[in-house]
Amino acid sequence: MSTTHSILDRLTTAHRDRLMALSTPVAFPAGTRIFDADRTAERFWVLDRGEVTLDLHVPGRQAAMVQTVAAGELLGWSWLFPPFRWQLGAQAHTAVQATEFPAAAVRDLCSADPGLGHEFVLLCAAVIGGRLHSTRTRLLDLYGPYGVTHGASVPVGGPDDDIGPRN
């Protein structure tokens, strides 16, 4: 295990130590499918080395890669909320070394220690917000209508714009 986990460094030392007591080091060779969307989420990881791509199944199309998770980042949050099913899929882009946590034991720890639970859920909520934004942006890049800008709710170059000559 590496000495720096940026995501876990945000926890107090006492909370981080209690969480780390539940962890196990794991490795995934490049190309390994770590989890698939809609499967049961029973664990999560903090990456020590390597990169994992997150993808979203799009019916009738190839899975869309929506984000890359790198060293120090949390891989997986669906284990935290019922129905405990993965929202995205994940595959090792490179060889990965990670710290694995058992979801049920961490949920129990968070329930038994409300201070840790509060701190950890806020940490996970920040990750969820970032993933949601990243996924939305990526899907707009891939499937959004031509001429829509990120953050805008109207098309660019539409009939109400003052851009370009009118016929």
Foldseek 3Di string as FASTA:
>chain_A
DDPDQPLLVLDDPVLSVVQLVQKDKDKDAAFAWPFAFFAAAFKKKAWQAAKKWKWADDPPDDTFGQDIHGHNDIGDDLLPDPPRTHHITMGGNHITMIIMGGSVVVNVVCVVPVVSVVSVVVSVVVVVVVSVLSNVVRCCVVPNDPQDDPPDPDGPPDPVDPDDDDD
